C-alpha atoms as a PDB file:
ATOM      1  CA  MET A   1      -0.198   0.055   0.167  1.00  0.00           C
ATOM      2  CA  LYS A   2       1.022   3.621  -0.965  1.00  0.00           C
ATOM      3  CA  GLN A   3       1.918   5.838   1.825  1.00  0.00           C
ATOM      4  CA  ASN A   4      -0.295   8.419   0.169  1.00  0.00           C
ATOM      5  CA  ASN A   5      -3.792   6.818  -0.581  1.00  0.00           C
ATOM      6  CA  VAL A   6      -7.123   7.776   0.540  1.00  0.00           C
ATOM      7  CA  VAL A   7      -7.380   7.049   4.014  1.00  0.00           C
ATOM      8  CA  THR A   8      -3.892   9.015   4.608  1.00  0.00           C
ATOM      9  CA  LEU A   9      -4.729  11.934   3.222  1.00  0.00           C
ATOM     10  CA  ALA A  10      -8.169  12.281   4.333  1.00  0.00           C
ATOM     11  CA  ALA A  11      -6.597  11.596   7.522  1.00  0.00           C
ATOM     12  CA  MET A  12      -4.201  14.994   6.176  1.00  0.00           C
ATOM     13  CA  LYS A  13      -7.279  17.035   5.954  1.00  0.00           C
ATOM     14  CA  ALA A  14      -8.664  16.310   9.545  1.00  0.00           C
ATOM     15  CA  ARG A  15      -4.954  17.136  11.612  1.00  0.00           C
ATOM     16  CA  GLY A  16      -4.804  20.072   9.224  1.00  0.00           C
ATOM     17  CA  GLU A  17      -1.659  19.246   7.455  1.00  0.00           C
ATOM     18  CA  LYS A  18      -1.272  20.763   4.007  1.00  0.00           C
ATOM     19  CA  ILE A  19      -1.021  18.211   0.745  1.00  0.00           C
ATOM     20  CA  SER A  20       1.427  18.786  -2.067  1.00  0.00           C
ATOM     21  CA  GLN A  21       0.683  17.887  -5.559  1.00  0.00           C
ATOM     22  CA  LEU A  22       1.806  19.068  -8.862  1.00  0.00           C
ATOM     23  CA  THR A  23       1.226  17.553 -12.627  1.00  0.00           C
ATOM     24  CA  CYS A  24       3.462  15.506 -14.485  1.00  0.00           C
ATOM     25  CA  TYR A  25       3.144  13.575 -17.805  1.00  0.00           C
ATOM     26  CA  ASP A  26       6.699  11.343 -17.869  1.00  0.00           C
ATOM     27  CA  TYR A  27       8.263   8.683 -15.780  1.00  0.00           C
ATOM     28  CA  SER A  28      11.427  10.571 -14.814  1.00  0.00           C
ATOM     29  CA  THR A  29      10.419  13.011 -13.530  1.00  0.00           C
ATOM     30  CA  ALA A  30       7.930  11.168 -11.700  1.00  0.00           C
ATOM     31  CA  ARG A  31      10.362   9.837  -9.550  1.00  0.00           C
ATOM     32  CA  LEU A  32      11.744  12.604  -8.909  1.00  0.00           C
ATOM     33  CA  MET A  33       8.733  14.195  -7.545  1.00  0.00           C
ATOM     34  CA  ASP A  34       7.713  10.718  -5.794  1.00  0.00           C
ATOM     35  CA  GLN A  35      11.440  10.673  -4.018  1.00  0.00           C
ATOM     36  CA  ALA A  36      11.018  14.806  -3.260  1.00  0.00           C
ATOM     37  CA  GLY A  37       7.683  13.595  -1.221  1.00  0.00           C
ATOM     38  CA  ILE A  38       5.153  15.298  -3.289  1.00  0.00           C
ATOM     39  CA  ASN A  39       1.736  13.500  -1.836  1.00  0.00           C
ATOM     40  CA  MET A  40      -0.564  13.686  -4.828  1.00  0.00           C
ATOM     41  CA  ILE A  41       0.607  13.521  -8.815  1.00  0.00           C
ATOM     42  CA  LEU A  42      -1.954  14.779 -11.314  1.00  0.00           C
ATOM     43  CA  VAL A  43      -1.155  13.893 -15.031  1.00  0.00           C
ATOM     44  CA  GLY A  44      -3.565  16.498 -16.092  1.00  0.00           C
ATOM     45  CA  ASP A  45      -5.274  16.992 -19.569  1.00  0.00           C
ATOM     46  CA  SER A  46      -2.877  19.659 -19.434  1.00  0.00           C
ATOM     47  CA  LEU A  47      -0.357  17.827 -21.393  1.00  0.00           C
ATOM     48  CA  GLY A  48      -2.310  19.117 -24.257  1.00  0.00           C
ATOM     49  CA  MET A  49      -0.604  22.301 -23.537  1.00  0.00           C
ATOM     50  CA  THR A  50       2.551  21.682 -22.045  1.00  0.00           C
ATOM     51  CA  MET A  51       3.856  18.757 -23.600  1.00  0.00           C
ATOM     52  CA  GLN A  52       1.551  19.201 -27.300  1.00  0.00           C
ATOM     53  CA  GLY A  53       1.579  22.660 -27.999  1.00  0.00           C
ATOM     54  CA  TYR A  54      -1.867  23.372 -28.116  1.00  0.00           C
ATOM     55  CA  SER A  55      -3.568  26.148 -26.751  1.00  0.00           C
ATOM     56  CA  ASP A  56      -6.018  24.438 -24.710  1.00  0.00           C
ATOM     57  CA  THR A  57      -6.695  20.921 -23.032  1.00  0.00           C
ATOM     58  CA  LEU A  58      -9.593  20.293 -26.066  1.00  0.00           C
ATOM     59  CA  PRO A  59      -7.754  18.272 -27.921  1.00  0.00           C
ATOM     60  CA  VAL A  60      -5.909  15.363 -25.856  1.00  0.00           C
ATOM     61  CA  THR A  61      -7.417  12.218 -26.254  1.00  0.00           C
ATOM     62  CA  LEU A  62      -8.169   9.009 -24.017  1.00  0.00           C
ATOM     63  CA  GLU A  63      -5.223   6.847 -25.470  1.00  0.00           C
ATOM     64  CA  GLU A  64      -3.028  10.048 -24.626  1.00  0.00           C
ATOM     65  CA  MET A  65      -4.255  10.317 -21.304  1.00  0.00           C
ATOM     66  CA  ILE A  66      -3.904   6.344 -21.054  1.00  0.00           C
ATOM     67  CA  LEU A  67       0.111   6.578 -22.178  1.00  0.00           C
ATOM     68  CA  TYR A  68       1.020   9.381 -20.169  1.00  0.00           C
ATOM     69  CA  GLY A  69      -0.962   8.139 -17.000  1.00  0.00           C
ATOM     70  CA  ARG A  70       1.362   4.418 -17.396  1.00  0.00           C
ATOM     71  CA  SER A  71       4.115   6.039 -17.382  1.00  0.00           C
ATOM     72  CA  VAL A  72       4.139   8.576 -15.038  1.00  0.00           C
ATOM     73  CA  ALA A  73       2.037   5.803 -12.552  1.00  0.00           C
ATOM     74  CA  ARG A  74       5.577   3.290 -12.859  1.00  0.00           C
ATOM     75  CA  GLY A  75       7.525   6.459 -12.287  1.00  0.00           C
ATOM     76  CA  CYS A  76       5.406   6.601  -8.062  1.00  0.00           C
ATOM     77  CA  ARG A  77       5.857   4.321  -5.352  1.00  0.00           C
ATOM     78  CA  ASN A  78       4.261   6.372  -2.446  1.00  0.00           C
ATOM     79  CA  ALA A  79       2.747   9.678  -4.429  1.00  0.00           C
ATOM     80  CA  PHE A  80      -1.058   8.962  -5.275  1.00  0.00           C
ATOM     81  CA  VAL A  81      -1.686   9.354  -9.004  1.00  0.00           C
ATOM     82  CA  VAL A  82      -4.664  11.131 -10.312  1.00  0.00           C
ATOM     83  CA  LEU A  83      -5.156  10.600 -13.984  1.00  0.00           C
ATOM     84  CA  ASP A  84      -7.525  13.555 -16.312  1.00  0.00           C
ATOM     85  CA  MET A  85     -10.228  12.320 -18.169  1.00  0.00           C
ATOM     86  CA  PRO A  86     -10.318  14.204 -21.265  1.00  0.00           C
ATOM     87  CA  PHE A  87     -12.698  16.023 -22.561  1.00  0.00           C
ATOM     88  CA  MET A  88     -15.808  14.092 -23.926  1.00  0.00           C
ATOM     89  CA  SER A  89     -14.896  10.989 -22.630  1.00  0.00           C
ATOM     90  CA  TYR A  90     -17.207  11.067 -19.835  1.00  0.00           C
ATOM     91  CA  GLN A  91     -19.799  13.819 -20.751  1.00  0.00           C
ATOM     92  CA  VAL A  92     -22.300  11.850 -22.494  1.00  0.00           C
ATOM     93  CA  SER A  93     -23.539   9.559 -19.858  1.00  0.00           C
ATOM     94  CA  PRO A  94     -22.541   7.353 -16.988  1.00  0.00           C
ATOM     95  CA  GLU A  95     -22.396   4.613 -18.370  1.00  0.00           C
ATOM     96  CA  GLN A  96     -19.404   5.785 -20.895  1.00  0.00           C
ATOM     97  CA  ALA A  97     -17.794   7.775 -17.967  1.00  0.00           C
ATOM     98  CA  LEU A  98     -17.458   4.497 -16.338  1.00  0.00           C
ATOM     99  CA  ALA A  99     -16.354   2.464 -19.283  1.00  0.00           C
ATOM    100  CA  ASN A 100     -13.790   5.190 -20.107  1.00  0.00           C
ATOM    101  CA  ALA A 101     -12.789   5.496 -16.160  1.00  0.00           C
ATOM    102  CA  GLY A 102     -12.422   1.579 -15.755  1.00  0.00           C
ATOM    103  CA  ARG A 103     -10.228   1.525 -18.610  1.00  0.00           C
ATOM    104  CA  MET A 104      -7.708   4.273 -17.716  1.00  0.00           C
ATOM    105  CA  MET A 105      -7.440   2.462 -14.238  1.00  0.00           C
ATOM    106  CA  LYS A 106      -6.828  -0.785 -15.894  1.00  0.00           C
ATOM    107  CA  GLU A 107      -4.200   0.511 -18.210  1.00  0.00           C
ATOM    108  CA  THR A 108      -2.657   2.649 -16.433  1.00  0.00           C
ATOM    109  CA  GLY A 109      -2.246   1.848 -12.996  1.00  0.00           C
ATOM    110  CA  VAL A 110      -3.087   5.388 -11.405  1.00  0.00           C
ATOM    111  CA  ASP A 111      -4.915   5.501  -8.348  1.00  0.00           C
ATOM    112  CA  GLY A 112      -8.062   7.192  -9.459  1.00  0.00           C
ATOM    113  CA  VAL A 113      -9.435   9.450 -11.942  1.00  0.00           C
ATOM    114  CA  LYS A 114     -10.098  13.361 -12.493  1.00  0.00           C
ATOM    115  CA  LEU A 115     -13.341  14.820 -13.802  1.00  0.00           C
ATOM    116  CA  GLU A 116     -14.554  18.334 -14.374  1.00  0.00           C
ATOM    117  CA  GLY A 117     -17.759  19.884 -13.254  1.00  0.00           C
ATOM    118  CA  GLY A 118     -20.104  20.124  -9.976  1.00  0.00           C
ATOM    119  CA  GLU A 119     -23.602  18.927 -10.141  1.00  0.00           C
ATOM    120  CA  GLY A 120     -24.033  18.549 -13.950  1.00  0.00           C
ATOM    121  CA  ILE A 121     -21.785  15.775 -13.448  1.00  0.00           C
ATOM    122  CA  CYS A 122     -22.701  14.214 -10.291  1.00  0.00           C
ATOM    123  CA  PRO A 123     -24.600  10.834 -11.779  1.00  0.00           C
ATOM    124  CA  GLN A 124     -21.163   9.935 -13.740  1.00  0.00           C
ATOM    125  CA  ILE A 125     -18.963  10.282 -10.459  1.00  0.00           C
ATOM    126  CA  ARG A 126     -21.380   8.086  -8.824  1.00  0.00           C
ATOM    127  CA  ALA A 127     -21.335   5.516 -11.666  1.00  0.00           C
ATOM    128  CA  ILE A 128     -17.353   5.661 -11.376  1.00  0.00           C
ATOM    129  CA  THR A 129     -17.190   5.627  -7.282  1.00  0.00           C
ATOM    130  CA  ALA A 130     -19.616   2.872  -7.202  1.00  0.00           C
ATOM    131  CA  ALA A 131     -17.356   0.365  -9.394  1.00  0.00           C
ATOM    132  CA  GLY A 132     -14.563   1.529  -6.473  1.00  0.00           C
ATOM    133  CA  ILE A 133     -12.766   3.448  -8.584  1.00  0.00           C
ATOM    134  CA  PRO A 134     -11.480   7.014  -6.315  1.00  0.00           C
ATOM    135  CA  VAL A 135     -12.793  10.207  -7.722  1.00  0.00           C
ATOM    136  CA  CYS A 136     -11.457  13.493  -7.822  1.00  0.00           C
ATOM    137  CA  ALA A 137     -14.028  15.974  -8.625  1.00  0.00           C
ATOM    138  CA  HIS A 138     -12.672  20.068 -10.305  1.00  0.00           C
ATOM    139  CA  VAL A 139     -14.774  23.141  -9.938  1.00  0.00           C
ATOM    140  CA  GLY A 140     -14.437  26.769 -10.041  1.00  0.00           C
ATOM    141  CA  MET A 141     -12.696  27.742 -13.204  1.00  0.00           C
ATOM    142  CA  THR A 142     -13.018  23.904 -15.868  1.00  0.00           C
ATOM    143  CA  PRO A 143     -10.820  24.016 -18.364  1.00  0.00           C
ATOM    144  CA  GLN A 144     -12.957  22.071 -20.342  1.00  0.00           C
ATOM    145  CA  SER A 145     -15.640  24.441 -20.322  1.00  0.00           C
ATOM    146  CA  TYR A 146     -13.955  27.733 -20.827  1.00  0.00           C
ATOM    147  CA  HIS A 147     -15.415  28.624 -23.508  1.00  0.00           C
ATOM    148  CA  ALA A 148     -18.225  29.069 -22.364  1.00  0.00           C
ATOM    149  CA  PHE A 149     -16.914  30.952 -19.209  1.00  0.00           C
ATOM    150  CA  GLY A 150     -15.718  33.372 -22.238  1.00  0.00           C
ATOM    151  CA  GLY A 151     -12.301  32.526 -21.123  1.00  0.00           C
ATOM    152  CA  PHE A 152     -10.045  31.575 -17.941  1.00  0.00           C
ATOM    153  CA  THR A 153     -11.723  33.691 -15.722  1.00  0.00           C
ATOM    154  CA  VAL A 154     -11.710  33.302 -11.556  1.00  0.00           C
ATOM    155  CA  GLN A 155     -15.246  31.881 -10.549  1.00  0.00           C
ATOM    156  CA  GLY A 156     -17.578  31.934  -7.767  1.00  0.00           C
ATOM    157  CA  LYS A 157     -17.203  36.341  -8.075  1.00  0.00           C
ATOM    158  CA  GLY A 158     -20.416  37.665  -6.327  1.00  0.00           C
ATOM    159  CA  GLU A 159     -23.122  36.440  -4.405  1.00  0.00           C
ATOM    160  CA  ALA A 160     -24.729  34.188  -6.696  1.00  0.00           C
ATOM    161  CA  GLY A 161     -21.468  32.698  -8.050  1.00  0.00           C
ATOM    162  CA  ALA A 162     -20.131  31.995  -4.571  1.00  0.00           C
ATOM    163  CA  ALA A 163     -23.248  30.167  -3.712  1.00  0.00           C
ATOM    164  CA  ARG A 164     -23.542  28.574  -7.015  1.00  0.00           C
ATOM    165  CA  LEU A 165     -19.450  27.176  -6.311  1.00  0.00           C
ATOM    166  CA  LEU A 166     -20.866  25.972  -2.787  1.00  0.00           C
ATOM    167  CA  LYS A 167     -23.718  23.652  -3.870  1.00  0.00           C
ATOM    168  CA  ASP A 168     -21.265  22.402  -6.445  1.00  0.00           C
ATOM    169  CA  ALA A 169     -18.394  21.316  -3.881  1.00  0.00           C
ATOM    170  CA  LEU A 170     -21.306  20.062  -1.958  1.00  0.00           C
ATOM    171  CA  ALA A 171     -22.848  18.105  -4.850  1.00  0.00           C
ATOM    172  CA  VAL A 172     -19.767  16.228  -5.545  1.00  0.00           C
ATOM    173  CA  GLN A 173     -18.844  15.651  -2.396  1.00  0.00           C
ATOM    174  CA  GLU A 174     -22.440  13.582  -1.827  1.00  0.00           C
ATOM    175  CA  ALA A 175     -21.957  12.437  -5.263  1.00  0.00           C
ATOM    176  CA  GLY A 176     -18.560   9.733  -3.493  1.00  0.00           C
ATOM    177  CA  ALA A 177     -15.727  12.351  -4.943  1.00  0.00           C
ATOM    178  CA  PHE A 178     -12.945  11.439  -2.068  1.00  0.00           C
ATOM    179  CA  ALA A 179     -11.123  15.110  -3.515  1.00  0.00           C
ATOM    180  CA  VAL A 180     -12.144  18.202  -5.295  1.00  0.00           C
ATOM    181  CA  VAL A 181     -10.399  20.666  -7.108  1.00  0.00           C
ATOM    182  CA  LEU A 182     -10.878  24.428  -6.669  1.00  0.00           C
ATOM    183  CA  GLU A 183      -9.303  26.499  -9.522  1.00  0.00           C
ATOM    184  CA  CYS A 184      -9.664  30.269  -9.475  1.00  0.00           C
ATOM    185  CA  VAL A 185     -11.396  30.796  -6.941  1.00  0.00           C
ATOM    186  CA  PRO A 186     -11.874  33.867  -4.728  1.00  0.00           C
ATOM    187  CA  PRO A 187      -9.614  32.982  -1.538  1.00  0.00           C
ATOM    188  CA  LYS A 188     -12.481  33.369   1.189  1.00  0.00           C
ATOM    189  CA  LEU A 189     -14.859  31.395  -0.958  1.00  0.00           C
ATOM    190  CA  ALA A 190     -12.048  28.822  -1.363  1.00  0.00           C
ATOM    191  CA  ALA A 191     -11.677  28.792   2.409  1.00  0.00           C
ATOM    192  CA  LEU A 192     -14.893  28.777   3.673  1.00  0.00           C
ATOM    193  CA  ILE A 193     -15.957  25.680   0.931  1.00  0.00           C
ATOM    194  CA  SER A 194     -13.055  23.766   2.711  1.00  0.00           C
ATOM    195  CA  ARG A 195     -14.301  24.085   6.276  1.00  0.00           C
ATOM    196  CA  LYS A 196     -17.571  23.101   5.230  1.00  0.00           C
ATOM    197  CA  LEU A 197     -16.599  19.991   3.594  1.00  0.00           C
ATOM    198  CA  ASP A 198     -15.299  16.659   4.890  1.00  0.00           C
ATOM    199  CA  ILE A 199     -13.371  15.741   1.207  1.00  0.00           C
ATOM    200  CA  ILE A 200     -10.196  17.041   0.443  1.00  0.00           C
ATOM    201  CA  THR A 201     -10.024  20.544  -1.477  1.00  0.00           C
ATOM    202  CA  ILE A 202      -6.827  21.223  -3.998  1.00  0.00           C
ATOM    203  CA  GLY A 203      -6.570  25.006  -4.710  1.00  0.00           C
ATOM    204  CA  ILE A 204      -5.353  26.444  -7.692  1.00  0.00           C
ATOM    205  CA  GLY A 205      -5.790  30.198  -8.273  1.00  0.00           C
ATOM    206  CA  ALA A 206      -7.571  29.800  -4.786  1.00  0.00           C
ATOM    207  CA  GLY A 207      -5.212  31.131  -1.748  1.00  0.00           C
ATOM    208  CA  GLY A 208      -3.818  29.340   0.922  1.00  0.00           C
ATOM    209  CA  GLY A 209      -7.342  28.371   2.575  1.00  0.00           C
ATOM    210  CA  CYS A 210      -7.563  25.188   0.975  1.00  0.00           C
ATOM    211  CA  ASP A 211      -6.109  21.751   2.563  1.00  0.00           C
ATOM    212  CA  GLY A 212      -3.741  21.295  -0.614  1.00  0.00           C
ATOM    213  CA  GLN A 213      -2.414  22.847  -3.856  1.00  0.00           C
ATOM    214  CA  VAL A 214      -1.519  21.732  -6.756  1.00  0.00           C
ATOM    215  CA  LEU A 215       1.155  24.137  -9.945  1.00  0.00           C
ATOM    216  CA  VAL A 216       1.411  22.925 -13.176  1.00  0.00           C
ATOM    217  CA  TYR A 217       5.418  21.660 -12.770  1.00  0.00           C
ATOM    218  CA  GLN A 218       6.618  23.627 -15.514  1.00  0.00           C
ATOM    219  CA  ASP A 219       5.353  26.924 -14.187  1.00  0.00           C
ATOM    220  CA  MET A 220       6.757  26.103 -11.033  1.00  0.00           C
ATOM    221  CA  LEU A 221      10.227  25.642 -12.782  1.00  0.00           C
ATOM    222  CA  GLY A 222       9.977  28.687 -14.730  1.00  0.00           C
ATOM    223  CA  ILE A 223      10.057  26.245 -17.702  1.00  0.00           C
ATOM    224  CA  THR A 224       7.239  27.729 -19.426  1.00  0.00           C
ATOM    225  CA  GLU A 225       7.313  30.598 -21.806  1.00  0.00           C
ATOM    226  CA  GLY A 226       5.557  33.488 -22.153  1.00  0.00           C
ATOM    227  CA  GLN A 227       2.813  35.256 -19.497  1.00  0.00           C
ATOM    228  CA  THR A 228       2.112  32.533 -16.630  1.00  0.00           C
ATOM    229  CA  PRO A 229      -1.472  33.154 -14.653  1.00  0.00           C
ATOM    230  CA  LYS A 230      -1.319  35.219 -11.367  1.00  0.00           C
ATOM    231  CA  PHE A 231      -1.434  32.083  -8.796  1.00  0.00           C
ATOM    232  CA  VAL A 232       1.639  31.009 -10.240  1.00  0.00           C
ATOM    233  CA  LYS A 233       5.148  31.040  -8.175  1.00  0.00           C
ATOM    234  CA  ALA A 234       8.314  29.776  -9.912  1.00  0.00           C
ATOM    235  CA  PHE A 235      10.512  27.899  -7.239  1.00  0.00           C
ATOM    236  CA  ALA A 236      13.381  27.489  -9.997  1.00  0.00           C
ATOM    237  CA  GLN A 237      14.609  28.765 -13.421  1.00  0.00           C
ATOM    238  CA  VAL A 238      15.263  25.441 -14.008  1.00  0.00           C
ATOM    239  CA  GLY A 239      13.925  26.768 -18.100  1.00  0.00           C
ATOM    240  CA  GLN A 240      17.454  28.805 -18.018  1.00  0.00           C
ATOM    241  CA  GLN A 241      19.433  26.345 -17.319  1.00  0.00           C
ATOM    242  CA  MET A 242      18.051  23.889 -19.642  1.00  0.00           C
ATOM    243  CA  MET A 243      18.987  26.683 -22.328  1.00  0.00           C
ATOM    244  CA  GLU A 244      22.401  27.122 -20.778  1.00  0.00           C
ATOM    245  CA  ALA A 245      22.930  24.016 -21.001  1.00  0.00           C
ATOM    246  CA  PHE A 246      21.754  23.556 -24.379  1.00  0.00           C
ATOM    247  CA  GLN A 247      23.597  25.880 -25.736  1.00  0.00           C
ATOM    248  CA  ALA A 248      26.916  24.870 -24.156  1.00  0.00           C
ATOM    249  CA  TYR A 249      26.313  21.201 -25.504  1.00  0.00           C
ATOM    250  CA  ASP A 250      26.290  22.949 -29.250  1.00  0.00           C
ATOM    251  CA  SER A 251      28.880  25.156 -28.542  1.00  0.00           C
ATOM    252  CA  GLN A 252      31.052  21.887 -27.552  1.00  0.00           C
ATOM    253  CA  VAL A 253      29.938  19.813 -30.386  1.00  0.00           C
ATOM    254  CA  LYS A 254      30.650  22.505 -33.237  1.00  0.00           C
ATOM    255  CA  SER A 255      34.348  23.344 -31.500  1.00  0.00           C
ATOM    256  CA  GLY A 256      35.193  19.748 -31.232  1.00  0.00           C
ATOM    257  CA  ALA A 257      35.368  20.078 -27.226  1.00  0.00           C
ATOM    258  CA  PHE A 258      32.644  16.820 -26.678  1.00  0.00           C
ATOM    259  CA  PRO A 259      33.062  14.439 -26.487  1.00  0.00           C
ATOM    260  CA  ALA A 260      36.771  14.484 -24.765  1.00  0.00           C
ATOM    261  CA  PRO A 261      38.697  10.699 -24.231  1.00  0.00           C
ATOM    262  CA  ALA A 262      37.235  11.115 -21.102  1.00  0.00           C
ATOM    263  CA  GLN A 263      33.337  10.333 -23.091  1.00  0.00           C
ATOM    264  CA  THR A 264      35.129   7.401 -25.400  1.00  0.00           C
ATOM    265  CA  TYR A 265      36.258   3.781 -24.879  1.00  0.00           C
ATOM    266  CA  ALA A 266      39.506   4.196 -25.897  1.00  0.00           C
ATOM    267  CA  LYS A 267      40.661   1.338 -23.778  1.00  0.00           C
ATOM    268  CA  SER A 268      38.579  -1.335 -25.957  1.00  0.00           C
ATOM    269  CA  ASP A 269      40.090   0.162 -29.366  1.00  0.00           C
ATOM    270  CA  CYS A 270      42.285  -1.823 -31.313  1.00  0.00           C
ATOM    271  CA  GLY A 271      45.724  -1.267 -31.685  1.00  0.00           C
ATOM    272  CA  ASP A 272      47.416   1.359 -34.299  1.00  0.00           C
ATOM    273  CA  GLU A 273      48.743  -2.018 -36.034  1.00  0.00           C
ATOM    274  CA  VAL A 274      45.706  -3.056 -36.542  1.00  0.00           C
ATOM    275  CA  LEU A 275      43.647  -0.214 -37.946  1.00  0.00           C
ATOM    276  CA  ASN A 276      46.499   0.086 -40.197  1.00  0.00           C
ATOM    277  CA  ARG A 277      46.287  -3.237 -41.135  1.00  0.00           C
ATOM    278  CA  LEU A 278      42.255  -2.400 -41.748  1.00  0.00           C
ATOM    279  CA  ASP A 279      42.741   0.871 -43.103  1.00  0.00           C
ATOM    280  CA  GLU A 280      44.633  -1.306 -46.105  1.00  0.00           C
ATOM    281  CA  SER A 281      42.749  -3.680 -46.526  1.00  0.00           C
ATOM    282  CA  GLN A 282      39.416  -3.546 -48.842  1.00  0.00           C
ATOM    283  CA  SER A 283      37.984  -6.644 -47.334  1.00  0.00           C
ATOM    284  CA  ALA A 284      39.683  -7.811 -44.026  1.00  0.00           C
ATOM    285  CA  PRO A 285      36.337  -8.709 -41.532  1.00  0.00           C
ATOM    286  CA  LEU A 286      36.439  -6.417 -38.542  1.00  0.00           C
ATOM    287  CA  LEU A 287      35.573  -9.429 -36.019  1.00  0.00           C
ATOM    288  CA  SER A 288      38.934 -11.261 -37.080  1.00  0.00           C
ATOM    289  CA  VAL A 289      41.635  -8.465 -36.592  1.00  0.00           C
ATOM    290  CA  CYS A 290      39.873  -6.413 -34.036  1.00  0.00           C
ATOM    291  CA  SER A 291      39.447  -7.980 -30.181  1.00  0.00           C
ATOM    292  CA  THR A 292      36.924  -6.918 -28.187  1.00  0.00           C
ATOM    293  CA  GLN A 293      38.650  -6.717 -25.119  1.00  0.00           C
END
């Protein structure tokens, strides 16, 4: 059993301990996050933007999510891995949602799935959780619905908006979700929702009153090109370090400085006499004259 599971994460909320979550899309990065002690990893459909270069998440397919999810799950011994259900993989019906969630769990080895939406997708949440699959909900600014919002905008403004968001959060809890992401929600409202819910709240652009926080890992490492959302904090400038390393490699390859003798297998090379015979011969088989010692 992983150190981080639905029971231990709920216990963290009960004790007032904060929960860390990051997005991830590959095995090598997942291993590093897992070893660093990150509690939860989200294989987000944000990969459409961060890994594939789309302007939004809508083009991402179920097959792509399974591929990335499988890679991340292999790198995690203790982090609880949640896999996003992509656009139109669950909206049609509870039956569709259950079939696709089951396939995602079966083919990837992740620990749970995430669905965007509030009260309107509760039938889907009920169907999936009834099959024993942990569900993380997602309310507030839901990227798959950004066209309906008129863009990536803050949700829960004003009394009516706040009441609707609270209603959605309570609904997904009642439907069986073990956690809910609150995205782009005013901080006092997010804190109120977190107090009223028994399940875990994970904030992104929702202030420090949530039970946990999630960021896109390219954003928090300073890799993302261009302007990032207001809620992003860069904990390192890895993008600049990567650029400098790529430039140094390019320079050394072109100057001949790389590879140096230290990066070659010189001890396994043939002697000069053998190489001279090979150079003079048009047909001498390599293995007959060159030892692999």
